[in-house]
Every structure is written in structure tokens, then in C-alpha cells.
């Protein structure tokens, strides 16, 4: 958990995503869905695909935020656009 924090604070997107995961599933810390959502969102904004996918799941299921299908759809479109760009 400590090293993921260090990585996230240094702008590493995998660290951001991993912190979200740790908070969501209480790995090395206490469970906190709001913090999980925050870190997934930071990772997603930095174009981390795992972060984007988990952010979509948060919006669909209301994890750490209110359910929001419009935002889930918007992020799904971003994932598709990035996937097409990389091909």
C-alpha cells in the first residue's frame, strides 16, 4: 500500500489505479469506497485503462459515488476511442 501511495503521488497511473483497488477491497488499508472512486477517477483521467474500467464499474454500481449511467457511458466511449487510437 505504501509503495502504491508513493507511485500515485509521483504521477504513476498504475499506482493511482492500485490505490483505488486497495481502498475498494481493503488491501493494506481500511475499506473506503469514496477513496477508491477518487483514485480510479485520477487514474482514468490519466488514461489508465484499468482505472477507466473500474471507474465505469463504480458509476454503474454506485461504488463510492451515486449511480450514473450517463457518466458510465461517457467513460465507455473514451475507452473505445483510446482502443481504436492504439490499433
PDB file of N, CA and C in Angstrom:
ATOM      1  N   UNK A   1       0.830  -1.192   0.000  1.00  0.00           N
ATOM      2  CA  UNK A   1       0.000   0.000   0.000  1.00  0.00           C
ATOM      3  C   UNK A   1       0.872   1.253   0.000  1.00  0.00           C
ATOM      4  N   UNK A   2       1.886   1.245   0.835  1.00  0.00           N
ATOM      5  CA  UNK A   2       2.785   2.401   0.932  1.00  0.00           C
ATOM      6  C   UNK A   2       3.410   2.727  -0.431  1.00  0.00           C
ATOM      7  N   UNK A   3       3.877   1.717  -1.125  1.00  0.00           N
ATOM      8  CA  UNK A   3       4.550   1.959  -2.406  1.00  0.00           C
ATOM      9  C   UNK A   3       3.575   2.416  -3.483  1.00  0.00           C
ATOM     10  N   UNK A   4       2.350   1.941  -3.421  1.00  0.00           N
ATOM     11  CA  UNK A   4       1.337   2.444  -4.347  1.00  0.00           C
ATOM     12  C   UNK A   4       1.066   3.925  -4.073  1.00  0.00           C
ATOM     13  N   UNK A   5       1.045   4.301  -2.797  1.00  0.00           N
ATOM     14  CA  UNK A   5       0.867   5.713  -2.451  1.00  0.00           C
ATOM     15  C   UNK A   5       2.009   6.552  -3.026  1.00  0.00           C
ATOM     16  N   UNK A   6       3.212   6.061  -2.858  1.00  0.00           N
ATOM     17  CA  UNK A   6       4.371   6.790  -3.368  1.00  0.00           C
ATOM     18  C   UNK A   6       4.292   6.938  -4.893  1.00  0.00           C
ATOM     19  N   UNK A   7       3.951   5.854  -5.558  1.00  0.00           N
ATOM     20  CA  UNK A   7       3.848   5.880  -7.022  1.00  0.00           C
ATOM     21  C   UNK A   7       2.758   6.849  -7.473  1.00  0.00           C
ATOM     22  N   UNK A   8       1.605   6.805  -6.817  1.00  0.00           N
ATOM     23  CA  UNK A   8       0.495   7.698  -7.179  1.00  0.00           C
ATOM     24  C   UNK A   8       0.877   9.154  -6.975  1.00  0.00           C
ATOM     25  N   UNK A   9       1.549   9.448  -5.874  1.00  0.00           N
ATOM     26  CA  UNK A   9       1.956  10.817  -5.591  1.00  0.00           C
ATOM     27  C   UNK A   9       3.003  11.313  -6.591  1.00  0.00           C
ATOM     28  N   UNK A  10       3.691  10.379  -7.231  1.00  0.00           N
ATOM     29  CA  UNK A  10       4.677  10.730  -8.258  1.00  0.00           C
ATOM     30  C   UNK A  10       4.095  10.661  -9.672  1.00  0.00           C
ATOM     31  N   UNK A  11       2.760  10.592  -9.758  1.00  0.00           N
ATOM     32  CA  UNK A  11       2.092  10.658 -11.053  1.00  0.00           C
ATOM     33  C   UNK A  11       2.015   9.358 -11.819  1.00  0.00           C
ATOM     34  N   UNK A  12       2.333   8.247 -11.193  1.00  0.00           N
ATOM     35  CA  UNK A  12       2.283   6.948 -11.867  1.00  0.00           C
ATOM     36  C   UNK A  12       0.839   6.435 -11.863  1.00  0.00           C
ATOM     37  N   UNK A  13       0.305   6.228 -13.059  1.00  0.00           N
ATOM     38  CA  UNK A  13      -1.114   5.864 -13.166  1.00  0.00           C
ATOM     39  C   UNK A  13      -1.408   4.483 -12.580  1.00  0.00           C
ATOM     40  N   UNK A  14      -0.457   3.548 -12.681  1.00  0.00           N
ATOM     41  CA  UNK A  14      -0.706   2.228 -12.092  1.00  0.00           C
ATOM     42  C   UNK A  14      -0.812   2.343 -10.566  1.00  0.00           C
ATOM     43  N   UNK A  15      -0.040   3.234  -9.977  1.00  0.00           N
ATOM     44  CA  UNK A  15      -0.146   3.462  -8.535  1.00  0.00           C
ATOM     45  C   UNK A  15      -1.505   4.030  -8.161  1.00  0.00           C
ATOM     46  N   UNK A  16      -2.018   4.934  -8.994  1.00  0.00           N
ATOM     47  CA  UNK A  16      -3.344   5.516  -8.747  1.00  0.00           C
ATOM     48  C   UNK A  16      -4.417   4.436  -8.798  1.00  0.00           C
ATOM     49  N   UNK A  17      -4.384   3.653  -9.879  1.00  0.00           N
ATOM     50  CA  UNK A  17      -5.354   2.561 -10.016  1.00  0.00           C
ATOM     51  C   UNK A  17      -5.236   1.597  -8.836  1.00  0.00           C
ATOM     52  N   UNK A  18      -4.009   1.238  -8.479  1.00  0.00           N
ATOM     53  CA  UNK A  18      -3.790   0.256  -7.411  1.00  0.00           C
ATOM     54  C   UNK A  18      -4.261   0.767  -6.061  1.00  0.00           C
ATOM     55  N   UNK A  19      -4.099   2.058  -5.803  1.00  0.00           N
ATOM     56  CA  UNK A  19      -4.630   2.621  -4.561  1.00  0.00           C
ATOM     57  C   UNK A  19      -6.147   2.495  -4.526  1.00  0.00           C
ATOM     58  N   UNK A  20      -6.785   2.771  -5.657  1.00  0.00           N
ATOM     59  CA  UNK A  20      -8.231   2.590  -5.730  1.00  0.00           C
ATOM     60  C   UNK A  20      -8.628   1.171  -5.387  1.00  0.00           C
ATOM     61  N   UNK A  21      -7.905   0.225  -5.950  1.00  0.00           N
ATOM     62  CA  UNK A  21      -8.178  -1.195  -5.689  1.00  0.00           C
ATOM     63  C   UNK A  21      -7.985  -1.512  -4.209  1.00  0.00           C
ATOM     64  N   UNK A  22      -6.895  -1.025  -3.638  1.00  0.00           N
ATOM     65  CA  UNK A  22      -6.617  -1.279  -2.216  1.00  0.00           C
ATOM     66  C   UNK A  22      -7.734  -0.731  -1.335  1.00  0.00           C
ATOM     67  N   UNK A  23      -8.189   0.476  -1.636  1.00  0.00           N
ATOM     68  CA  UNK A  23      -9.282   1.054  -0.842  1.00  0.00           C
ATOM     69  C   UNK A  23     -10.590   0.306  -1.059  1.00  0.00           C
ATOM     70  N   UNK A  24     -10.866  -0.117  -2.258  1.00  0.00           N
ATOM     71  CA  UNK A  24     -12.124  -0.809  -2.519  1.00  0.00           C
ATOM     72  C   UNK A  24     -12.181  -2.169  -1.831  1.00  0.00           C
ATOM     73  N   UNK A  25     -11.054  -2.875  -1.819  1.00  0.00           N
ATOM     74  CA  UNK A  25     -11.043  -4.247  -1.295  1.00  0.00           C
ATOM     75  C   UNK A  25     -10.278  -4.389   0.016  1.00  0.00           C
ATOM     76  N   UNK A  26      -9.952  -3.283   0.683  1.00  0.00           N
ATOM     77  CA  UNK A  26      -9.284  -3.284   1.985  1.00  0.00           C
ATOM     78  C   UNK A  26      -7.979  -4.078   1.960  1.00  0.00           C
ATOM     79  N   UNK A  27      -7.133  -3.773   0.988  1.00  0.00           N
ATOM     80  CA  UNK A  27      -5.826  -4.417   0.875  1.00  0.00           C
ATOM     81  C   UNK A  27      -4.784  -3.471   1.468  1.00  0.00           C
ATOM     82  N   UNK A  28      -4.299  -3.783   2.650  1.00  0.00           N
ATOM     83  CA  UNK A  28      -3.294  -2.959   3.307  1.00  0.00           C
ATOM     84  C   UNK A  28      -3.839  -1.698   3.946  1.00  0.00           C
ATOM     85  N   UNK A  29      -5.140  -1.529   3.927  1.00  0.00           N
ATOM     86  CA  UNK A  29      -5.795  -0.342   4.486  1.00  0.00           C
ATOM     87  C   UNK A  29      -7.247  -0.685   4.788  1.00  0.00           C
ATOM     88  N   UNK A  30      -7.971   0.256   5.341  1.00  0.00           N
ATOM     89  CA  UNK A  30      -9.389   0.020   5.584  1.00  0.00           C
ATOM     90  C   UNK A  30     -10.181   0.276   4.305  1.00  0.00           C
ATOM     91  N   UNK A  31     -11.316  -0.389   4.199  1.00  0.00           N
ATOM     92  CA  UNK A  31     -12.182  -0.228   3.035  1.00  0.00           C
ATOM     93  C   UNK A  31     -12.761   1.182   3.023  1.00  0.00           C
ATOM     94  N   UNK A  32     -12.669   1.840   1.875  1.00  0.00           N
ATOM     95  CA  UNK A  32     -13.197   3.189   1.725  1.00  0.00           C
ATOM     96  C   UNK A  32     -13.553   3.396   0.254  1.00  0.00           C
ATOM     97  N   UNK A  33     -14.824   3.200  -0.067  1.00  0.00           N
ATOM     98  CA  UNK A  33     -15.258   3.281  -1.462  1.00  0.00           C
ATOM     99  C   UNK A  33     -15.134   4.680  -2.049  1.00  0.00           C
ATOM    100  N   UNK A  34     -15.263   5.710  -1.225  1.00  0.00           N
ATOM    101  CA  UNK A  34     -15.110   7.070  -1.748  1.00  0.00           C
ATOM    102  C   UNK A  34     -13.661   7.315  -2.185  1.00  0.00           C
ATOM    103  N   UNK A  35     -12.705   6.847  -1.382  1.00  0.00           N
ATOM    104  CA  UNK A  35     -11.303   6.984  -1.773  1.00  0.00           C
ATOM    105  C   UNK A  35     -10.986   6.111  -2.980  1.00  0.00           C
ATOM    106  N   UNK A  36     -11.600   4.935  -3.051  1.00  0.00           N
ATOM    107  CA  UNK A  36     -11.412   4.067  -4.219  1.00  0.00           C
ATOM    108  C   UNK A  36     -11.876   4.800  -5.472  1.00  0.00           C
ATOM    109  N   UNK A  37     -13.059   5.379  -5.413  1.00  0.00           N
ATOM    110  CA  UNK A  37     -13.587   6.128  -6.548  1.00  0.00           C
ATOM    111  C   UNK A  37     -12.649   7.270  -6.928  1.00  0.00           C
ATOM    112  N   UNK A  38     -12.177   8.001  -5.941  1.00  0.00           N
ATOM    113  CA  UNK A  38     -11.272   9.122  -6.194  1.00  0.00           C
ATOM    114  C   UNK A  38     -10.039   8.664  -6.967  1.00  0.00           C
ATOM    115  N   UNK A  39      -9.409   7.578  -6.523  1.00  0.00           N
ATOM    116  CA  UNK A  39      -8.179   7.129  -7.172  1.00  0.00           C
ATOM    117  C   UNK A  39      -8.443   6.503  -8.538  1.00  0.00           C
ATOM    118  N   UNK A  40      -9.567   5.811  -8.683  1.00  0.00           N
ATOM    119  CA  UNK A  40      -9.920   5.309 -10.015  1.00  0.00           C
ATOM    120  C   UNK A  40     -10.124   6.475 -10.973  1.00  0.00           C
ATOM    121  N   UNK A  41     -10.762   7.524 -10.481  1.00  0.00           N
ATOM    122  CA  UNK A  41     -11.012   8.689 -11.324  1.00  0.00           C
ATOM    123  C   UNK A  41      -9.697   9.356 -11.737  1.00  0.00           C
ATOM    124  N   UNK A  42      -8.762   9.509 -10.794  1.00  0.00           N
ATOM    125  CA  UNK A  42      -7.457  10.088 -11.111  1.00  0.00           C
ATOM    126  C   UNK A  42      -6.739   9.242 -12.164  1.00  0.00           C
ATOM    127  N   UNK A  43      -6.769   7.934 -11.996  1.00  0.00           N
ATOM    128  CA  UNK A  43      -6.121   7.043 -12.958  1.00  0.00           C
ATOM    129  C   UNK A  43      -6.796   7.133 -14.320  1.00  0.00           C
ATOM    130  N   UNK A  44      -8.115   7.179 -14.324  1.00  0.00           N
ATOM    131  CA  UNK A  44      -8.860   7.267 -15.582  1.00  0.00           C
ATOM    132  C   UNK A  44      -8.550   8.563 -16.312  1.00  0.00           C
ATOM    133  N   UNK A  45      -8.501   9.658 -15.576  1.00  0.00           N
ATOM    134  CA  UNK A  45      -8.191  10.944 -16.198  1.00  0.00           C
ATOM    135  C   UNK A  45      -6.793  10.961 -16.795  1.00  0.00           C
ATOM    136  N   UNK A  46      -5.909  10.102 -16.273  1.00  0.00           N
ATOM    137  CA  UNK A  46      -4.552   9.983 -16.803  1.00  0.00           C
ATOM    138  C   UNK A  46      -4.458   8.885 -17.868  1.00  0.00           C
ATOM    139  N   UNK A  47      -5.616   8.412 -18.340  1.00  0.00           N
ATOM    140  CA  UNK A  47      -5.729   7.435 -19.428  1.00  0.00           C
ATOM    141  C   UNK A  47      -5.246   6.028 -19.060  1.00  0.00           C
ATOM    142  N   UNK A  48      -5.359   5.661 -17.791  1.00  0.00           N
ATOM    143  CA  UNK A  48      -5.047   4.304 -17.368  1.00  0.00           C
ATOM    144  C   UNK A  48      -6.292   3.445 -17.612  1.00  0.00           C
ATOM    145  N   UNK A  49      -6.165   2.423 -18.451  1.00  0.00           N
ATOM    146  CA  UNK A  49      -7.326   1.629 -18.860  1.00  0.00           C
ATOM    147  C   UNK A  49      -7.954   0.884 -17.687  1.00  0.00           C
ATOM    148  N   UNK A  50      -7.149   0.347 -16.774  1.00  0.00           N
ATOM    149  CA  UNK A  50      -7.717  -0.334 -15.601  1.00  0.00           C
ATOM    150  C   UNK A  50      -8.505   0.656 -14.747  1.00  0.00           C
ATOM    151  N   UNK A  51      -7.952   1.848 -14.590  1.00  0.00           N
ATOM    152  CA  UNK A  51      -8.661   2.884 -13.852  1.00  0.00           C
ATOM    153  C   UNK A  51      -9.975   3.250 -14.517  1.00  0.00           C
ATOM    154  N   UNK A  52      -9.955   3.357 -15.848  1.00  0.00           N
ATOM    155  CA  UNK A  52     -11.183   3.682 -16.590  1.00  0.00           C
ATOM    156  C   UNK A  52     -12.236   2.594 -16.401  1.00  0.00           C
ATOM    157  N   UNK A  53     -11.821   1.351 -16.533  1.00  0.00           N
ATOM    158  CA  UNK A  53     -12.787   0.255 -16.396  1.00  0.00           C
ATOM    159  C   UNK A  53     -13.378   0.197 -14.997  1.00  0.00           C
ATOM    160  N   UNK A  54     -12.552   0.412 -13.976  1.00  0.00           N
ATOM    161  CA  UNK A  54     -13.093   0.390 -12.619  1.00  0.00           C
ATOM    162  C   UNK A  54     -13.944   1.618 -12.334  1.00  0.00           C
ATOM    163  N   UNK A  55     -13.601   2.752 -12.928  1.00  0.00           N
ATOM    164  CA  UNK A  55     -14.431   3.943 -12.777  1.00  0.00           C
ATOM    165  C   UNK A  55     -15.813   3.698 -13.394  1.00  0.00           C
ATOM    166  N   UNK A  56     -15.837   3.073 -14.551  1.00  0.00           N
ATOM    167  CA  UNK A  56     -17.115   2.727 -15.190  1.00  0.00           C
ATOM    168  C   UNK A  56     -17.938   1.848 -14.257  1.00  0.00           C
ATOM    169  N   UNK A  57     -17.297   0.847 -13.663  1.00  0.00           N
ATOM    170  CA  UNK A  57     -17.993  -0.051 -12.734  1.00  0.00           C
ATOM    171  C   UNK A  57     -18.531   0.734 -11.533  1.00  0.00           C
ATOM    172  N   UNK A  58     -17.748   1.677 -11.023  1.00  0.00           N
ATOM    173  CA  UNK A  58     -18.215   2.497  -9.896  1.00  0.00           C
ATOM    174  C   UNK A  58     -19.478   3.269 -10.263  1.00  0.00           C
ATOM    175  N   UNK A  59     -19.468   3.878 -11.446  1.00  0.00           N
ATOM    176  CA  UNK A  59     -20.652   4.618 -11.884  1.00  0.00           C
ATOM    177  C   UNK A  59     -21.843   3.687 -12.102  1.00  0.00           C
ATOM    178  N   UNK A  60     -21.610   2.506 -12.639  1.00  0.00           N
ATOM    179  CA  UNK A  60     -22.714   1.571 -12.896  1.00  0.00           C
ATOM    180  C   UNK A  60     -23.322   1.024 -11.606  1.00  0.00           C
ATOM    181  N   UNK A  61     -22.477   0.759 -10.610  1.00  0.00           N
ATOM    182  CA  UNK A  61     -22.949   0.104  -9.391  1.00  0.00           C
ATOM    183  C   UNK A  61     -23.098   1.038  -8.197  1.00  0.00           C
ATOM    184  N   UNK A  62     -22.677   2.278  -8.345  1.00  0.00           N
ATOM    185  CA  UNK A  62     -22.779   3.223  -7.239  1.00  0.00           C
ATOM    186  C   UNK A  62     -21.736   2.964  -6.159  1.00  0.00           C
ATOM    187  N   UNK A  63     -20.519   2.663  -6.564  1.00  0.00           N
ATOM    188  CA  UNK A  63     -19.440   2.404  -5.616  1.00  0.00           C
ATOM    189  C   UNK A  63     -18.670   3.698  -5.379  1.00  0.00           C
ATOM    190  N   UNK A  64     -18.815   4.259  -4.192  1.00  0.00           N
ATOM    191  CA  UNK A  64     -18.115   5.496  -3.850  1.00  0.00           C
ATOM    192  C   UNK A  64     -18.718   6.748  -4.459  1.00  0.00           C
ATOM    193  N   UNK A  65     -19.791   6.593  -5.193  1.00  0.00           N
ATOM    194  CA  UNK A  65     -20.495   7.692  -5.843  1.00  0.00           C
ATOM    195  C   UNK A  65     -21.927   7.245  -6.110  1.00  0.00           C
ATOM    196  N   UNK A  66     -22.744   8.144  -6.578  1.00  0.00           N
ATOM    197  CA  UNK A  66     -24.102   7.757  -6.972  1.00  0.00           C
ATOM    198  C   UNK A  66     -24.055   7.056  -8.323  1.00  0.00           C
ATOM    199  N   UNK A  67     -24.989   6.152  -8.541  1.00  0.00           N
ATOM    200  CA  UNK A  67     -25.086   5.519  -9.854  1.00  0.00           C
ATOM    201  C   UNK A  67     -25.307   6.607 -10.902  1.00  0.00           C
ATOM    202  N   UNK A  68     -24.578   6.470 -12.000  1.00  0.00           N
ATOM    203  CA  UNK A  68     -24.685   7.481 -13.044  1.00  0.00           C
ATOM    204  C   UNK A  68     -24.380   6.809 -14.385  1.00  0.00           C
ATOM    205  N   UNK A  69     -25.439   6.362 -15.052  1.00  0.00           N
ATOM    206  CA  UNK A  69     -25.273   5.652 -16.315  1.00  0.00           C
ATOM    207  C   UNK A  69     -24.720   6.558 -17.412  1.00  0.00           C
ATOM    208  N   UNK A  70     -25.039   7.836 -17.347  1.00  0.00           N
ATOM    209  CA  UNK A  70     -24.534   8.769 -18.353  1.00  0.00           C
ATOM    210  C   UNK A  70     -23.005   8.859 -18.277  1.00  0.00           C
ATOM    211  N   UNK A  71     -22.464   8.967 -17.072  1.00  0.00           N
ATOM    212  CA  UNK A  71     -21.007   9.012 -16.906  1.00  0.00           C
ATOM    213  C   UNK A  71     -20.372   7.671 -17.264  1.00  0.00           C
ATOM    214  N   UNK A  72     -21.030   6.586 -16.904  1.00  0.00           N
ATOM    215  CA  UNK A  72     -20.509   5.260 -17.261  1.00  0.00           C
ATOM    216  C   UNK A  72     -20.409   5.143 -18.782  1.00  0.00           C
ATOM    217  N   UNK A  73     -21.420   5.609 -19.477  1.00  0.00           N
ATOM    218  CA  UNK A  73     -21.420   5.562 -20.941  1.00  0.00           C
ATOM    219  C   UNK A  73     -20.329   6.467 -21.512  1.00  0.00           C
ATOM    220  N   UNK A  74     -20.181   7.667 -20.957  1.00  0.00           N
ATOM    221  CA  UNK A  74     -19.170   8.609 -21.430  1.00  0.00           C
ATOM    222  C   UNK A  74     -17.763   8.008 -21.296  1.00  0.00           C
ATOM    223  N   UNK A  75     -17.476   7.366 -20.178  1.00  0.00           N
ATOM    224  CA  UNK A  75     -16.170   6.748 -19.983  1.00  0.00           C
ATOM    225  C   UNK A  75     -16.010   5.519 -20.862  1.00  0.00           C
ATOM    226  N   UNK A  76     -17.087   4.794 -21.103  1.00  0.00           N
ATOM    227  CA  UNK A  76     -17.017   3.635 -22.010  1.00  0.00           C
ATOM    228  C   UNK A  76     -16.630   4.087 -23.412  1.00  0.00           C
ATOM    229  N   UNK A  77     -17.181   5.206 -23.841  1.00  0.00           N
ATOM    230  CA  UNK A  77     -16.822   5.748 -25.151  1.00  0.00           C
ATOM    231  C   UNK A  77     -15.351   6.142 -25.199  1.00  0.00           C
ATOM    232  N   UNK A  78     -14.837   6.713 -24.102  1.00  0.00           N
ATOM    233  CA  UNK A  78     -13.417   7.089 -24.060  1.00  0.00           C
ATOM    234  C   UNK A  78     -12.533   5.849 -24.182  1.00  0.00           C
ATOM    235  N   UNK A  79     -12.902   4.781 -23.495  1.00  0.00           N
ATOM    236  CA  UNK A  79     -12.135   3.530 -23.585  1.00  0.00           C
ATOM    237  C   UNK A  79     -12.114   3.048 -25.030  1.00  0.00           C
ATOM    238  N   UNK A  80     -13.272   3.091 -25.680  1.00  0.00           N
ATOM    239  CA  UNK A  80     -13.345   2.634 -27.080  1.00  0.00           C
ATOM    240  C   UNK A  80     -12.483   3.526 -27.978  1.00  0.00           C
ATOM    241  N   UNK A  81     -12.534   4.822 -27.776  1.00  0.00           N
ATOM    242  CA  UNK A  81     -11.734   5.741 -28.599  1.00  0.00           C
ATOM    243  C   UNK A  81     -10.249   5.496 -28.414  1.00  0.00           C
ATOM    244  N   UNK A  82      -9.800   5.295 -27.193  1.00  0.00           N
ATOM    245  CA  UNK A  82      -8.388   5.036 -26.938  1.00  0.00           C
ATOM    246  C   UNK A  82      -7.965   3.705 -27.545  1.00  0.00           C
ATOM    247  N   UNK A  83      -8.843   2.713 -27.464  1.00  0.00           N
ATOM    248  CA  UNK A  83      -8.545   1.412 -28.041  1.00  0.00           C
ATOM    249  C   UNK A  83      -8.372   1.523 -29.542  1.00  0.00           C
ATOM    250  N   UNK A  84      -9.239   2.269 -30.202  1.00  0.00           N
ATOM    251  CA  UNK A  84      -9.165   2.452 -31.648  1.00  0.00           C
ATOM    252  C   UNK A  84      -7.883   3.232 -31.999  1.00  0.00           C
ATOM    253  N   UNK A  85      -7.548   4.233 -31.207  1.00  0.00           N
ATOM    254  CA  UNK A  85      -6.329   5.019 -31.455  1.00  0.00           C
ATOM    255  C   UNK A  85      -5.077   4.145 -31.431  1.00  0.00           C
ATOM    256  N   UNK A  86      -5.076   3.171 -30.552  1.00  0.00           N
ATOM    257  CA  UNK A  86      -3.860   2.365 -30.362  1.00  0.00           C
ATOM    258  C   UNK A  86      -3.732   1.238 -31.390  1.00  0.00           C
ATOM    259  N   UNK A  87      -4.738   1.039 -32.194  1.00  0.00           N
ATOM    260  CA  UNK A  87      -4.677  -0.039 -33.193  1.00  0.00           C
ATOM    261  C   UNK A  87      -4.000   0.404 -34.467  1.00  0.00           C
TER     262      UNK A  87
END
